[in-house]
Amino acid sequence: MKDVIDVKFKLANNADKKNRPLVAVRDRYVCAVTGDVLGNSVPCAVLRTSGYVVTMDCVNRLIKLDMIDPINGAKLTDYDIIPMQRGGTGK
């Protein structure tokens, strides 16, 4: 149980302003750092120190430069960046 991480997805701006169910919104979640829309075709990673989901492009361009979590300022190691498995919708 000590290895379980609470994964946090940041809602897109258009997902929380309208009175529609989250399932009906096309762009639901965004990268916690850059604001890029997340989808099945976007490689993502979880930052172990904060639990937030970011794109791998953000990891490679921003986070790996200084290895500090931009959300909470904690020092990161390669072990703290967990790539997420991509999946399809089944169709």
PDB file of N, CA and C in Angstrom:
ATOM      1  N   MET A   1       0.810  -1.196   0.000  1.00  0.00           N
ATOM      2  CA  MET A   1       0.000   0.000   0.000  1.00  0.00           C
ATOM      3  C   MET A   1       0.857   1.267   0.000  1.00  0.00           C
ATOM      4  N   LYS A   2       2.097   1.167   0.439  1.00  0.00           N
ATOM      5  CA  LYS A   2       2.930   2.358   0.485  1.00  0.00           C
ATOM      6  C   LYS A   2       3.321   2.843  -0.907  1.00  0.00           C
ATOM      7  N   ASP A   3       3.217   1.985  -1.917  1.00  0.00           N
ATOM      8  CA  ASP A   3       3.581   2.363  -3.282  1.00  0.00           C
ATOM      9  C   ASP A   3       2.410   2.925  -4.084  1.00  0.00           C
ATOM     10  N   VAL A   4       1.213   2.934  -3.519  1.00  0.00           N
ATOM     11  CA  VAL A   4       0.039   3.436  -4.230  1.00  0.00           C
ATOM     12  C   VAL A   4       0.106   4.962  -4.295  1.00  0.00           C
ATOM     13  N   ILE A   5      -0.150   5.500  -5.488  1.00  0.00           N
ATOM     14  CA  ILE A   5      -0.087   6.941  -5.716  1.00  0.00           C
ATOM     15  C   ILE A   5      -1.478   7.443  -6.084  1.00  0.00           C
ATOM     16  N   ASP A   6      -1.894   8.529  -5.479  1.00  0.00           N
ATOM     17  CA  ASP A   6      -3.154   9.173  -5.813  1.00  0.00           C
ATOM     18  C   ASP A   6      -2.949   9.979  -7.093  1.00  0.00           C
ATOM     19  N   VAL A   7      -3.481   9.482  -8.219  1.00  0.00           N
ATOM     20  CA  VAL A   7      -3.299  10.136  -9.520  1.00  0.00           C
ATOM     21  C   VAL A   7      -4.337  11.238  -9.670  1.00  0.00           C
ATOM     22  N   LYS A   8      -3.870  12.444 -10.035  1.00  0.00           N
ATOM     23  CA  LYS A   8      -4.750  13.607 -10.146  1.00  0.00           C
ATOM     24  C   LYS A   8      -4.749  14.114 -11.583  1.00  0.00           C
ATOM     25  N   PHE A   9      -5.940  14.217 -12.155  1.00  0.00           N
ATOM     26  CA  PHE A   9      -6.115  14.784 -13.487  1.00  0.00           C
ATOM     27  C   PHE A   9      -6.664  16.198 -13.348  1.00  0.00           C
ATOM     28  N   LYS A  10      -6.104  17.152 -14.091  1.00  0.00           N
ATOM     29  CA  LYS A  10      -6.595  18.528 -14.059  1.00  0.00           C
ATOM     30  C   LYS A  10      -7.697  18.665 -15.097  1.00  0.00           C
ATOM     31  N   LEU A  11      -8.862  19.191 -14.674  1.00  0.00           N
ATOM     32  CA  LEU A  11      -9.984  19.384 -15.580  1.00  0.00           C
ATOM     33  C   LEU A  11      -9.698  20.518 -16.558  1.00  0.00           C
ATOM     34  N   ALA A  12     -10.174  20.342 -17.787  1.00  0.00           N
ATOM     35  CA  ALA A  12     -10.070  21.404 -18.787  1.00  0.00           C
ATOM     36  C   ALA A  12     -11.029  22.523 -18.409  1.00  0.00           C
ATOM     37  N   ASN A  13     -10.738  23.728 -18.820  1.00  0.00           N
ATOM     38  CA  ASN A  13     -11.584  24.883 -18.482  1.00  0.00           C
ATOM     39  C   ASN A  13     -13.008  24.718 -18.978  1.00  0.00           C
ATOM     40  N   ASN A  14     -13.184  24.171 -20.181  1.00  0.00           N
ATOM     41  CA  ASN A  14     -14.531  24.022 -20.718  1.00  0.00           C
ATOM     42  C   ASN A  14     -15.280  22.866 -20.055  1.00  0.00           C
ATOM     43  N   ALA A  15     -14.583  22.005 -19.323  1.00  0.00           N
ATOM     44  CA  ALA A  15     -15.245  20.864 -18.691  1.00  0.00           C
ATOM     45  C   ALA A  15     -15.922  21.246 -17.391  1.00  0.00           C
ATOM     46  N   ASP A  16     -15.449  22.263 -16.700  1.00  0.00           N
ATOM     47  CA  ASP A  16     -16.028  22.586 -15.404  1.00  0.00           C
ATOM     48  C   ASP A  16     -16.955  23.803 -15.428  1.00  0.00           C
ATOM     49  N   LYS A  17     -17.060  24.524 -16.543  1.00  0.00           N
ATOM     50  CA  LYS A  17     -17.895  25.718 -16.591  1.00  0.00           C
ATOM     51  C   LYS A  17     -19.321  25.441 -17.054  1.00  0.00           C
ATOM     52  N   LYS A  18     -19.530  24.395 -17.814  1.00  0.00           N
ATOM     53  CA  LYS A  18     -20.851  24.125 -18.369  1.00  0.00           C
ATOM     54  C   LYS A  18     -21.578  23.100 -17.506  1.00  0.00           C
ATOM     55  N   ASN A  19     -22.876  23.137 -17.575  1.00  0.00           N
ATOM     56  CA  ASN A  19     -23.682  22.195 -16.795  1.00  0.00           C
ATOM     57  C   ASN A  19     -23.956  20.918 -17.578  1.00  0.00           C
ATOM     58  N   ARG A  20     -22.929  20.392 -18.194  1.00  0.00           N
ATOM     59  CA  ARG A  20     -23.048  19.127 -18.912  1.00  0.00           C
ATOM     60  C   ARG A  20     -22.296  18.066 -18.136  1.00  0.00           C
ATOM     61  N   PRO A  21     -22.737  16.816 -18.272  1.00  0.00           N
ATOM     62  CA  PRO A  21     -21.972  15.744 -17.607  1.00  0.00           C
ATOM     63  C   PRO A  21     -20.564  15.657 -18.198  1.00  0.00           C
ATOM     64  N   LEU A  22     -19.613  15.227 -17.397  1.00  0.00           N
ATOM     65  CA  LEU A  22     -18.218  15.145 -17.828  1.00  0.00           C
ATOM     66  C   LEU A  22     -18.050  14.219 -19.026  1.00  0.00           C
ATOM     67  N   VAL A  23     -18.933  13.226 -19.158  1.00  0.00           N
ATOM     68  CA  VAL A  23     -18.843  12.273 -20.266  1.00  0.00           C
ATOM     69  C   VAL A  23     -19.185  12.952 -21.590  1.00  0.00           C
ATOM     70  N   ALA A  24     -19.999  13.996 -21.566  1.00  0.00           N
ATOM     71  CA  ALA A  24     -20.425  14.670 -22.788  1.00  0.00           C
ATOM     72  C   ALA A  24     -19.414  15.705 -23.276  1.00  0.00           C
ATOM     73  N   VAL A  25     -18.417  16.020 -22.492  1.00  0.00           N
ATOM     74  CA  VAL A  25     -17.436  17.025 -22.865  1.00  0.00           C
ATOM     75  C   VAL A  25     -16.337  16.374 -23.685  1.00  0.00           C
ATOM     76  N   ARG A  26     -15.963  16.997 -24.798  1.00  0.00           N
ATOM     77  CA  ARG A  26     -14.960  16.407 -25.684  1.00  0.00           C
ATOM     78  C   ARG A  26     -13.554  16.464 -25.077  1.00  0.00           C
ATOM     79  N   ASP A  27     -13.126  17.634 -24.648  1.00  0.00           N
ATOM     80  CA  ASP A  27     -11.804  17.792 -24.036  1.00  0.00           C
ATOM     81  C   ASP A  27     -11.987  17.862 -22.519  1.00  0.00           C
ATOM     82  N   ARG A  28     -11.729  16.747 -21.839  1.00  0.00           N
ATOM     83  CA  ARG A  28     -12.017  16.667 -20.410  1.00  0.00           C
ATOM     84  C   ARG A  28     -10.854  17.074 -19.534  1.00  0.00           C
ATOM     85  N   TYR A  29      -9.661  16.595 -19.867  1.00  0.00           N
ATOM     86  CA  TYR A  29      -8.512  16.787 -18.997  1.00  0.00           C
ATOM     87  C   TYR A  29      -7.357  17.430 -19.760  1.00  0.00           C
ATOM     88  N   VAL A  30      -6.517  18.163 -19.026  1.00  0.00           N
ATOM     89  CA  VAL A  30      -5.360  18.825 -19.618  1.00  0.00           C
ATOM     90  C   VAL A  30      -4.120  18.522 -18.785  1.00  0.00           C
ATOM     91  N   CYS A  31      -2.954  18.757 -19.379  1.00  0.00           N
ATOM     92  CA  CYS A  31      -1.685  18.625 -18.672  1.00  0.00           C
ATOM     93  C   CYS A  31      -1.665  19.648 -17.537  1.00  0.00           C
ATOM     94  N   ALA A  32      -1.223  19.241 -16.370  1.00  0.00           N
ATOM     95  CA  ALA A  32      -1.228  20.119 -15.199  1.00  0.00           C
ATOM     96  C   ALA A  32      -0.232  21.265 -15.325  1.00  0.00           C
ATOM     97  N   VAL A  33       0.752  21.141 -16.196  1.00  0.00           N
ATOM     98  CA  VAL A  33       1.774  22.182 -16.332  1.00  0.00           C
ATOM     99  C   VAL A  33       1.522  23.048 -17.561  1.00  0.00           C
ATOM    100  N   THR A  34       1.365  22.432 -18.731  1.00  0.00           N
ATOM    101  CA  THR A  34       1.270  23.189 -19.978  1.00  0.00           C
ATOM    102  C   THR A  34      -0.155  23.499 -20.407  1.00  0.00           C
ATOM    103  N   GLY A  35      -1.125  22.736 -19.943  1.00  0.00           N
ATOM    104  CA  GLY A  35      -2.508  22.945 -20.351  1.00  0.00           C
ATOM    105  C   GLY A  35      -2.864  22.264 -21.656  1.00  0.00           C
ATOM    106  N   ASP A  36      -1.981  21.415 -22.194  1.00  0.00           N
ATOM    107  CA  ASP A  36      -2.281  20.675 -23.413  1.00  0.00           C
ATOM    108  C   ASP A  36      -3.359  19.635 -23.117  1.00  0.00           C
ATOM    109  N   VAL A  37      -4.255  19.418 -24.088  1.00  0.00           N
ATOM    110  CA  VAL A  37      -5.350  18.471 -23.914  1.00  0.00           C
ATOM    111  C   VAL A  37      -4.812  17.044 -23.903  1.00  0.00           C
ATOM    112  N   LEU A  38      -5.301  16.227 -22.967  1.00  0.00           N
ATOM    113  CA  LEU A  38      -4.913  14.817 -22.876  1.00  0.00           C
ATOM    114  C   LEU A  38      -5.921  13.966 -23.621  1.00  0.00           C
ATOM    115  N   GLY A  39      -5.431  12.942 -24.288  1.00  0.00           N
ATOM    116  CA  GLY A  39      -6.285  12.006 -25.010  1.00  0.00           C
ATOM    117  C   GLY A  39      -5.593  10.668 -25.127  1.00  0.00           C
ATOM    118  N   ASN A  40      -6.246   9.730 -25.816  1.00  0.00           N
ATOM    119  CA  ASN A  40      -5.672   8.387 -25.958  1.00  0.00           C
ATOM    120  C   ASN A  40      -4.376   8.383 -26.748  1.00  0.00           C
ATOM    121  N   SER A  41      -4.202   9.347 -27.650  1.00  0.00           N
ATOM    122  CA  SER A  41      -3.009   9.359 -28.490  1.00  0.00           C
ATOM    123  C   SER A  41      -1.869  10.201 -27.906  1.00  0.00           C
ATOM    124  N   VAL A  42      -2.073  10.780 -26.738  1.00  0.00           N
ATOM    125  CA  VAL A  42      -1.063  11.640 -26.123  1.00  0.00           C
ATOM    126  C   VAL A  42      -0.323  10.854 -25.040  1.00  0.00           C
ATOM    127  N   PRO A  43       0.985  10.642 -25.200  1.00  0.00           N
ATOM    128  CA  PRO A  43       1.746   9.957 -24.152  1.00  0.00           C
ATOM    129  C   PRO A  43       1.794  10.814 -22.886  1.00  0.00           C
ATOM    130  N   CYS A  44       1.510  10.199 -21.744  1.00  0.00           N
ATOM    131  CA  CYS A  44       1.445  10.918 -20.474  1.00  0.00           C
ATOM    132  C   CYS A  44       2.292  10.233 -19.414  1.00  0.00           C
ATOM    133  N   ALA A  45       2.543  10.959 -18.332  1.00  0.00           N
ATOM    134  CA  ALA A  45       3.270  10.418 -17.188  1.00  0.00           C
ATOM    135  C   ALA A  45       2.679  11.002 -15.916  1.00  0.00           C
ATOM    136  N   VAL A  46       2.868  10.269 -14.817  1.00  0.00           N
ATOM    137  CA  VAL A  46       2.450  10.745 -13.502  1.00  0.00           C
ATOM    138  C   VAL A  46       3.705  11.132 -12.739  1.00  0.00           C
ATOM    139  N   LEU A  47       3.674  12.298 -12.108  1.00  0.00           N
ATOM    140  CA  LEU A  47       4.780  12.720 -11.258  1.00  0.00           C
ATOM    141  C   LEU A  47       4.521  12.192  -9.852  1.00  0.00           C
ATOM    142  N   ARG A  48       5.374  11.313  -9.383  1.00  0.00           N
ATOM    143  CA  ARG A  48       5.169  10.645  -8.105  1.00  0.00           C
ATOM    144  C   ARG A  48       5.069  11.624  -6.931  1.00  0.00           C
ATOM    145  N   THR A  49       5.802  12.711  -6.964  1.00  0.00           N
ATOM    146  CA  THR A  49       5.833  13.623  -5.825  1.00  0.00           C
ATOM    147  C   THR A  49       4.536  14.408  -5.654  1.00  0.00           C
ATOM    148  N   SER A  50       3.871  14.760  -6.757  1.00  0.00           N
ATOM    149  CA  SER A  50       2.617  15.512  -6.652  1.00  0.00           C
ATOM    150  C   SER A  50       1.397  14.689  -7.043  1.00  0.00           C
ATOM    151  N   GLY A  51       1.582  13.650  -7.871  1.00  0.00           N
ATOM    152  CA  GLY A  51       0.469  12.824  -8.319  1.00  0.00           C
ATOM    153  C   GLY A  51      -0.219  13.347  -9.563  1.00  0.00           C
ATOM    154  N   TYR A  52       0.202  14.477 -10.092  1.00  0.00           N
ATOM    155  CA  TYR A  52      -0.450  15.054 -11.260  1.00  0.00           C
ATOM    156  C   TYR A  52       0.021  14.404 -12.554  1.00  0.00           C
ATOM    157  N   VAL A  53      -0.885  14.392 -13.547  1.00  0.00           N
ATOM    158  CA  VAL A  53      -0.604  13.833 -14.867  1.00  0.00           C
ATOM    159  C   VAL A  53      -0.129  14.949 -15.781  1.00  0.00           C
ATOM    160  N   VAL A  54       0.989  14.701 -16.460  1.00  0.00           N
ATOM    161  CA  VAL A  54       1.557  15.653 -17.414  1.00  0.00           C
ATOM    162  C   VAL A  54       1.868  14.901 -18.707  1.00  0.00           C
ATOM    163  N   THR A  55       2.033  15.634 -19.802  1.00  0.00           N
ATOM    164  CA  THR A  55       2.393  14.993 -21.066  1.00  0.00           C
ATOM    165  C   THR A  55       3.874  14.635 -21.064  1.00  0.00           C
ATOM    166  N   MET A  56       4.233  13.633 -21.831  1.00  0.00           N
ATOM    167  CA  MET A  56       5.645  13.252 -21.948  1.00  0.00           C
ATOM    168  C   MET A  56       6.439  14.356 -22.640  1.00  0.00           C
ATOM    169  N   ASP A  57       5.791  15.121 -23.504  1.00  0.00           N
ATOM    170  CA  ASP A  57       6.460  16.268 -24.126  1.00  0.00           C
ATOM    171  C   ASP A  57       6.863  17.280 -23.055  1.00  0.00           C
ATOM    172  N   CYS A  58       6.004  17.508 -22.090  1.00  0.00           N
ATOM    173  CA  CYS A  58       6.314  18.400 -20.963  1.00  0.00           C
ATOM    174  C   CYS A  58       7.462  17.834 -20.138  1.00  0.00           C
ATOM    175  N   VAL A  59       7.459  16.530 -19.928  1.00  0.00           N
ATOM    176  CA  VAL A  59       8.540  15.891 -19.169  1.00  0.00           C
ATOM    177  C   VAL A  59       9.872  16.089 -19.878  1.00  0.00           C
ATOM    178  N   ASN A  60       9.889  15.822 -21.174  1.00  0.00           N
ATOM    179  CA  ASN A  60      11.140  15.898 -21.935  1.00  0.00           C
ATOM    180  C   ASN A  60      11.637  17.330 -22.116  1.00  0.00           C
ATOM    181  N   ARG A  61      10.730  18.288 -22.323  1.00  0.00           N
ATOM    182  CA  ARG A  61      11.140  19.667 -22.606  1.00  0.00           C
ATOM    183  C   ARG A  61      11.348  20.515 -21.358  1.00  0.00           C
ATOM    184  N   LEU A  62      10.571  20.281 -20.311  1.00  0.00           N
ATOM    185  CA  LEU A  62      10.620  21.165 -19.143  1.00  0.00           C
ATOM    186  C   LEU A  62      11.153  20.492 -17.879  1.00  0.00           C
ATOM    187  N   ILE A  63      10.572  19.365 -17.538  1.00  0.00           N
ATOM    188  CA  ILE A  63      10.849  18.767 -16.232  1.00  0.00           C
ATOM    189  C   ILE A  63      12.231  18.136 -16.166  1.00  0.00           C
ATOM    190  N   LYS A  64      12.666  17.469 -17.230  1.00  0.00           N
ATOM    191  CA  LYS A  64      13.966  16.789 -17.196  1.00  0.00           C
ATOM    192  C   LYS A  64      15.153  17.760 -17.205  1.00  0.00           C
ATOM    193  N   LEU A  65      14.920  19.022 -17.475  1.00  0.00           N
ATOM    194  CA  LEU A  65      16.010  19.993 -17.475  1.00  0.00           C
ATOM    195  C   LEU A  65      16.570  20.207 -16.076  1.00  0.00           C
ATOM    196  N   ASP A  66      15.688  20.398 -15.102  1.00  0.00           N
ATOM    197  CA  ASP A  66      16.162  20.640 -13.735  1.00  0.00           C
ATOM    198  C   ASP A  66      15.690  19.585 -12.742  1.00  0.00           C
ATOM    199  N   MET A  67      14.838  18.658 -13.180  1.00  0.00           N
ATOM    200  CA  MET A  67      14.325  17.552 -12.350  1.00  0.00           C
ATOM    201  C   MET A  67      13.675  18.062 -11.068  1.00  0.00           C
ATOM    202  N   ILE A  68      12.843  19.093 -11.199  1.00  0.00           N
ATOM    203  CA  ILE A  68      12.046  19.608 -10.093  1.00  0.00           C
ATOM    204  C   ILE A  68      10.586  19.579 -10.517  1.00  0.00           C
ATOM    205  N   ASP A  69       9.720  19.084  -9.630  1.00  0.00           N
ATOM    206  CA  ASP A  69       8.293  19.019  -9.895  1.00  0.00           C
ATOM    207  C   ASP A  69       7.745  20.444  -9.950  1.00  0.00           C
ATOM    208  N   PRO A  70       7.195  20.878 -11.099  1.00  0.00           N
ATOM    209  CA  PRO A  70       6.704  22.255 -11.196  1.00  0.00           C
ATOM    210  C   PRO A  70       5.451  22.512 -10.361  1.00  0.00           C
ATOM    211  N   ILE A  71       4.778  21.483  -9.925  1.00  0.00           N
ATOM    212  CA  ILE A  71       3.557  21.645  -9.139  1.00  0.00           C
ATOM    213  C   ILE A  71       3.883  22.011  -7.694  1.00  0.00           C
ATOM    214  N   ASN A  72       4.810  21.266  -7.078  1.00  0.00           N
ATOM    215  CA  ASN A  72       5.092  21.502  -5.654  1.00  0.00           C
ATOM    216  C   ASN A  72       6.558  21.826  -5.353  1.00  0.00           C
ATOM    217  N   GLY A  73       7.425  21.844  -6.358  1.00  0.00           N
ATOM    218  CA  GLY A  73       8.815  22.211  -6.156  1.00  0.00           C
ATOM    219  C   GLY A  73       9.705  21.129  -5.580  1.00  0.00           C
ATOM    220  N   ALA A  74       9.206  19.904  -5.484  1.00  0.00           N
ATOM    221  CA  ALA A  74       9.998  18.798  -4.933  1.00  0.00           C
ATOM    222  C   ALA A  74      11.018  18.310  -5.956  1.00  0.00           C
ATOM    223  N   LYS A  75      12.156  17.851  -5.472  1.00  0.00           N
ATOM    224  CA  LYS A  75      13.214  17.289  -6.322  1.00  0.00           C
ATOM    225  C   LYS A  75      12.744  15.949  -6.872  1.00  0.00           C
ATOM    226  N   LEU A  76      12.989  15.700  -8.162  1.00  0.00           N
ATOM    227  CA  LEU A  76      12.577  14.462  -8.824  1.00  0.00           C
ATOM    228  C   LEU A  76      13.785  13.613  -9.190  1.00  0.00           C
ATOM    229  N   THR A  77      13.544  12.304  -9.280  1.00  0.00           N
ATOM    230  CA  THR A  77      14.496  11.366  -9.868  1.00  0.00           C
ATOM    231  C   THR A  77      13.800  10.706 -11.054  1.00  0.00           C
ATOM    232  N   ASP A  78      14.522   9.925 -11.832  1.00  0.00           N
ATOM    233  CA  ASP A  78      13.891   9.205 -12.941  1.00  0.00           C
ATOM    234  C   ASP A  78      12.827   8.241 -12.434  1.00  0.00           C
ATOM    235  N   TYR A  79      12.991   7.736 -11.231  1.00  0.00           N
ATOM    236  CA  TYR A  79      12.029   6.820 -10.606  1.00  0.00           C
ATOM    237  C   TYR A  79      10.700   7.525 -10.326  1.00  0.00           C
ATOM    238  N   ASP A  80      10.720   8.845 -10.144  1.00  0.00           N
ATOM    239  CA  ASP A  80       9.526   9.614  -9.810  1.00  0.00           C
ATOM    240  C   ASP A  80       8.666   9.961 -11.021  1.00  0.00           C
ATOM    241  N   ILE A  81       9.143   9.722 -12.217  1.00  0.00           N
ATOM    242  CA  ILE A  81       8.377   9.980 -13.439  1.00  0.00           C
ATOM    243  C   ILE A  81       7.862   8.633 -13.951  1.00  0.00           C
ATOM    244  N   ILE A  82       6.559   8.417 -13.824  1.00  0.00           N
ATOM    245  CA  ILE A  82       5.945   7.128 -14.161  1.00  0.00           C
ATOM    246  C   ILE A  82       5.177   7.262 -15.470  1.00  0.00           C
ATOM    247  N   PRO A  83       5.649   6.636 -16.560  1.00  0.00           N
ATOM    248  CA  PRO A  83       4.906   6.695 -17.821  1.00  0.00           C
ATOM    249  C   PRO A  83       3.590   5.928 -17.702  1.00  0.00           C
ATOM    250  N   MET A  84       2.540   6.500 -18.271  1.00  0.00           N
ATOM    251  CA  MET A  84       1.227   5.852 -18.250  1.00  0.00           C
ATOM    252  C   MET A  84       1.052   5.017 -19.508  1.00  0.00           C
ATOM    253  N   GLN A  85       0.368   3.913 -19.371  1.00  0.00           N
ATOM    254  CA  GLN A  85       0.065   3.028 -20.502  1.00  0.00           C
ATOM    255  C   GLN A  85      -1.096   3.629 -21.286  1.00  0.00           C
ATOM    256  N   ARG A  86      -0.934   3.753 -22.592  1.00  0.00           N
ATOM    257  CA  ARG A  86      -2.004   4.266 -23.440  1.00  0.00           C
ATOM    258  C   ARG A  86      -2.894   3.116 -23.844  1.00  0.00           C
ATOM    259  N   GLY A  87      -4.178   3.429 -24.034  1.00  0.00           N
ATOM    260  CA  GLY A  87      -5.119   2.397 -24.446  1.00  0.00           C
ATOM    261  C   GLY A  87      -6.120   2.961 -25.422  1.00  0.00           C
ATOM    262  N   GLY A  88      -6.780   2.073 -26.119  1.00  0.00           N
ATOM    263  CA  GLY A  88      -7.793   2.485 -27.068  1.00  0.00           C
ATOM    264  C   GLY A  88      -9.173   2.401 -26.470  1.00  0.00           C
ATOM    265  N   THR A  89     -10.134   2.792 -27.288  1.00  0.00           N
ATOM    266  CA  THR A  89     -11.528   2.771 -26.833  1.00  0.00           C
ATOM    267  C   THR A  89     -12.190   1.442 -27.135  1.00  0.00           C
ATOM    268  N   GLY A  90     -11.529   0.572 -27.860  1.00  0.00           N
ATOM    269  CA  GLY A  90     -12.102  -0.725 -28.186  1.00  0.00           C
ATOM    270  C   GLY A  90     -12.825  -0.748 -29.514  1.00  0.00           C
ATOM    271  N   LYS A  91     -12.840   0.373 -30.241  1.00  0.00           N
ATOM    272  CA  LYS A  91     -13.531   0.414 -31.538  1.00  0.00           C
ATOM    273  C   LYS A  91     -12.532   0.516 -32.644  1.00  0.00           C
TER     274      LYS A  91
END
